[in-house]
Amino acid sequence: MGQIVDEAGYQKSLEWLVSKAPMLDDPLIDESTKTNLRKQYDLVSAKVKEYRRGELVAKFPGLKEQYKILGWTYQEMPSQTGQQASNTVKEVEPTNTPTEPEQAPETPPEPPKAMPNLSGWLD
């Protein structure tokens, strides 16, 4: 298996891992098939981890040194200069909108309503 090229390949690899995981626990599969499947599973799992680490290194270049210290491999990602240019935030010209919203004028509170005397029935 080669490297994972894009996010669609990454998702497809994850789906493959999820679909094959129950087969590794199946006691009815013969040992040679299970051994071959385990090798494939471990290879795909390693490629998925390398791809994700490569994405993190592209976002956070300081991780490259940390991964080197830990001895972890990562996938080199292609240059994203075109993507970065499209992802930049365009400055919007300021408009003449007030910074604070207008507040409604305060109205005086209503006087409390008289409570009827209900104790008159006790007499």
C-alpha atoms as a PDB file:
ATOM      1  CA  MET A   1       0.000   0.000   0.000  1.00  0.00           C
ATOM      2  CA  GLY A   2       1.261   3.435  -0.893  1.00  0.00           C
ATOM      3  CA  GLN A   3       0.728   6.679   0.864  1.00  0.00           C
ATOM      4  CA  ILE A   4      -2.653   8.196   1.508  1.00  0.00           C
ATOM      5  CA  VAL A   5      -3.029  11.029  -0.978  1.00  0.00           C
ATOM      6  CA  ASP A   6      -6.007  13.031   0.231  1.00  0.00           C
ATOM      7  CA  GLU A   7      -8.767  13.241   2.817  1.00  0.00           C
ATOM      8  CA  ALA A   8     -11.017  10.915   0.781  1.00  0.00           C
ATOM      9  CA  GLY A   9      -8.320   8.232   0.858  1.00  0.00           C
ATOM     10  CA  TYR A  10      -7.917   8.791   4.589  1.00  0.00           C
ATOM     11  CA  GLN A  11     -11.654   8.297   5.179  1.00  0.00           C
ATOM     12  CA  LYS A  12     -11.670   5.196   2.962  1.00  0.00           C
ATOM     13  CA  SER A  13      -8.774   3.726   4.958  1.00  0.00           C
ATOM     14  CA  LEU A  14     -10.592   4.394   8.225  1.00  0.00           C
ATOM     15  CA  GLU A  15     -13.708   2.676   6.891  1.00  0.00           C
ATOM     16  CA  TRP A  16     -11.605  -0.319   5.848  1.00  0.00           C
ATOM     17  CA  LEU A  17     -10.084  -0.534   9.339  1.00  0.00           C
ATOM     18  CA  VAL A  18     -13.523  -0.429  10.960  1.00  0.00           C
ATOM     19  CA  SER A  19     -14.892  -3.100   8.611  1.00  0.00           C
ATOM     20  CA  LYS A  20     -11.968  -5.498   9.177  1.00  0.00           C
ATOM     21  CA  ALA A  21     -11.656  -5.119  12.951  1.00  0.00           C
ATOM     22  CA  PRO A  22     -14.443  -7.626  13.777  1.00  0.00           C
ATOM     23  CA  MET A  23     -12.819 -10.215  11.529  1.00  0.00           C
ATOM     24  CA  LEU A  24      -9.669 -10.132  13.663  1.00  0.00           C
ATOM     25  CA  ASP A  25     -11.719 -11.197  16.691  1.00  0.00           C
ATOM     26  CA  ASP A  26     -13.645 -13.903  14.836  1.00  0.00           C
ATOM     27  CA  PRO A  27     -12.621 -17.308  16.243  1.00  0.00           C
ATOM     28  CA  LEU A  28     -13.899 -19.137  13.135  1.00  0.00           C
ATOM     29  CA  ILE A  29     -11.326 -17.630  10.730  1.00  0.00           C
ATOM     30  CA  ASP A  30      -8.284 -19.847  10.200  1.00  0.00           C
ATOM     31  CA  GLU A  31      -4.959 -18.629  11.595  1.00  0.00           C
ATOM     32  CA  SER A  32      -3.194 -18.032   8.263  1.00  0.00           C
ATOM     33  CA  THR A  33      -5.995 -15.756   7.037  1.00  0.00           C
ATOM     34  CA  LYS A  34      -6.056 -13.976  10.368  1.00  0.00           C
ATOM     35  CA  THR A  35      -2.264 -13.481  10.281  1.00  0.00           C
ATOM     36  CA  ASN A  36      -2.389 -11.982   6.781  1.00  0.00           C
ATOM     37  CA  LEU A  37      -5.305  -9.746   7.747  1.00  0.00           C
ATOM     38  CA  ARG A  38      -3.469  -8.583  10.873  1.00  0.00           C
ATOM     39  CA  LYS A  39      -0.429  -7.606   8.763  1.00  0.00           C
ATOM     40  CA  GLN A  40      -2.632  -5.625   6.360  1.00  0.00           C
ATOM     41  CA  TYR A  41      -4.492  -4.041   9.259  1.00  0.00           C
ATOM     42  CA  ASP A  42      -1.266  -2.966  10.956  1.00  0.00           C
ATOM     43  CA  LEU A  43       0.085  -1.509   7.686  1.00  0.00           C
ATOM     44  CA  VAL A  44      -3.084   0.491   6.962  1.00  0.00           C
ATOM     45  CA  SER A  45      -3.227   1.658  10.574  1.00  0.00           C
ATOM     46  CA  ALA A  46       0.375   2.888  10.386  1.00  0.00           C
ATOM     47  CA  LYS A  47      -0.323   4.738   7.115  1.00  0.00           C
ATOM     48  CA  VAL A  48      -3.398   6.413   8.651  1.00  0.00           C
ATOM     49  CA  LYS A  49      -1.324   7.585  11.626  1.00  0.00           C
ATOM     50  CA  GLU A  50       1.452   8.879   9.342  1.00  0.00           C
ATOM     51  CA  TYR A  51      -1.068  10.798   7.246  1.00  0.00           C
ATOM     52  CA  ARG A  52      -2.667  12.444  10.279  1.00  0.00           C
ATOM     53  CA  ARG A  53       0.743  13.345  11.709  1.00  0.00           C
ATOM     54  CA  GLY A  54       1.702  14.829   8.350  1.00  0.00           C
ATOM     55  CA  GLU A  55      -1.383  17.030   8.421  1.00  0.00           C
ATOM     56  CA  LEU A  56      -0.503  18.176  11.926  1.00  0.00           C
ATOM     57  CA  VAL A  57       3.094  18.949  10.884  1.00  0.00           C
ATOM     58  CA  ALA A  58       1.754  21.014   7.973  1.00  0.00           C
ATOM     59  CA  LYS A  59      -0.397  23.040  10.389  1.00  0.00           C
ATOM     60  CA  PHE A  60       2.093  23.167  13.249  1.00  0.00           C
ATOM     61  CA  PRO A  61       5.697  22.977  11.949  1.00  0.00           C
ATOM     62  CA  GLY A  62       7.082  22.749  15.497  1.00  0.00           C
ATOM     63  CA  LEU A  63       5.745  19.198  15.720  1.00  0.00           C
ATOM     64  CA  LYS A  64       8.342  18.052  13.181  1.00  0.00           C
ATOM     65  CA  GLU A  65      11.088  18.293  15.798  1.00  0.00           C
ATOM     66  CA  GLN A  66       8.931  16.614  18.448  1.00  0.00           C
ATOM     67  CA  TYR A  67       8.133  13.707  16.135  1.00  0.00           C
ATOM     68  CA  LYS A  68      11.836  13.341  15.368  1.00  0.00           C
ATOM     69  CA  ILE A  69      12.608  13.165  19.097  1.00  0.00           C
ATOM     70  CA  LEU A  70       9.894  10.533  19.607  1.00  0.00           C
ATOM     71  CA  GLY A  71      11.011   8.562  16.558  1.00  0.00           C
ATOM     72  CA  TRP A  72       7.592   8.824  14.922  1.00  0.00           C
ATOM     73  CA  THR A  73       7.271   8.918  11.171  1.00  0.00           C
ATOM     74  CA  TYR A  74       4.968  11.267   9.337  1.00  0.00           C
ATOM     75  CA  GLN A  75       3.914  11.772   5.762  1.00  0.00           C
ATOM     76  CA  GLU A  76       5.256  14.836   3.977  1.00  0.00           C
ATOM     77  CA  MET A  77       2.315  16.858   2.741  1.00  0.00           C
ATOM     78  CA  PRO A  78       2.381  18.721  -0.565  1.00  0.00           C
ATOM     79  CA  SER A  79       2.817  22.463  -0.449  1.00  0.00           C
ATOM     80  CA  GLN A  80      -0.431  24.196   0.417  1.00  0.00           C
ATOM     81  CA  THR A  81       0.427  27.661  -0.859  1.00  0.00           C
ATOM     82  CA  GLY A  82      -2.563  27.665  -3.202  1.00  0.00           C
ATOM     83  CA  GLN A  83      -4.886  26.536  -0.435  1.00  0.00           C
ATOM     84  CA  GLN A  84      -3.470  29.004   2.037  1.00  0.00           C
ATOM     85  CA  ALA A  85      -4.032  31.852  -0.394  1.00  0.00           C
ATOM     86  CA  SER A  86      -7.679  30.863  -0.824  1.00  0.00           C
ATOM     87  CA  ASN A  87      -8.136  30.383   2.919  1.00  0.00           C
ATOM     88  CA  THR A  88      -6.876  33.831   3.861  1.00  0.00           C
ATOM     89  CA  VAL A  89      -9.420  36.207   5.255  1.00  0.00           C
ATOM     90  CA  LYS A  90     -10.216  39.103   2.981  1.00  0.00           C
ATOM     91  CA  GLU A  91     -10.399  42.427   4.706  1.00  0.00           C
ATOM     92  CA  VAL A  92     -13.790  44.004   4.584  1.00  0.00           C
ATOM     93  CA  GLU A  93     -14.066  47.734   4.211  1.00  0.00           C
ATOM     94  CA  PRO A  94     -15.482  49.322   7.341  1.00  0.00           C
ATOM     95  CA  THR A  95     -19.034  50.533   7.117  1.00  0.00           C
ATOM     96  CA  ASN A  96     -20.652  53.399   8.943  1.00  0.00           C
ATOM     97  CA  THR A  97     -22.533  51.257  11.389  1.00  0.00           C
ATOM     98  CA  PRO A  98     -22.556  52.266  15.035  1.00  0.00           C
ATOM     99  CA  THR A  99     -20.444  50.135  17.303  1.00  0.00           C
ATOM    100  CA  GLU A 100     -23.067  50.054  20.042  1.00  0.00           C
ATOM    101  CA  PRO A 101     -26.693  49.276  19.267  1.00  0.00           C
ATOM    102  CA  GLU A 102     -29.259  51.918  20.093  1.00  0.00           C
ATOM    103  CA  GLN A 103     -31.181  51.190  23.239  1.00  0.00           C
ATOM    104  CA  ALA A 104     -34.866  51.814  23.626  1.00  0.00           C
ATOM    105  CA  PRO A 105     -35.775  54.655  25.974  1.00  0.00           C
ATOM    106  CA  GLU A 106     -36.477  53.562  29.500  1.00  0.00           C
ATOM    107  CA  THR A 107     -40.117  53.484  30.496  1.00  0.00           C
ATOM    108  CA  PRO A 108     -41.065  54.071  34.107  1.00  0.00           C
ATOM    109  CA  PRO A 109     -42.239  50.938  35.893  1.00  0.00           C
ATOM    110  CA  GLU A 110     -45.978  50.519  36.295  1.00  0.00           C
ATOM    111  CA  PRO A 111     -47.333  51.153  39.790  1.00  0.00           C
ATOM    112  CA  PRO A 112     -48.299  47.955  41.609  1.00  0.00           C
ATOM    113  CA  LYS A 113     -51.931  46.992  41.203  1.00  0.00           C
ATOM    114  CA  ALA A 114     -54.124  46.944  44.293  1.00  0.00           C
ATOM    115  CA  MET A 115     -54.617  43.470  45.632  1.00  0.00           C
ATOM    116  CA  PRO A 116     -58.241  42.665  46.448  1.00  0.00           C
ATOM    117  CA  ASN A 117     -58.915  41.844  50.060  1.00  0.00           C
ATOM    118  CA  LEU A 118     -60.040  38.230  50.016  1.00  0.00           C
ATOM    119  CA  SER A 119     -60.393  37.872  53.756  1.00  0.00           C
ATOM    120  CA  GLY A 120     -63.891  39.374  53.710  1.00  0.00           C
ATOM    121  CA  TRP A 121     -65.525  35.950  53.448  1.00  0.00           C
ATOM    122  CA  LEU A 122     -64.185  35.023  56.873  1.00  0.00           C
ATOM    123  CA  ASP A 123     -66.628  37.355  58.711  1.00  0.00           C
END
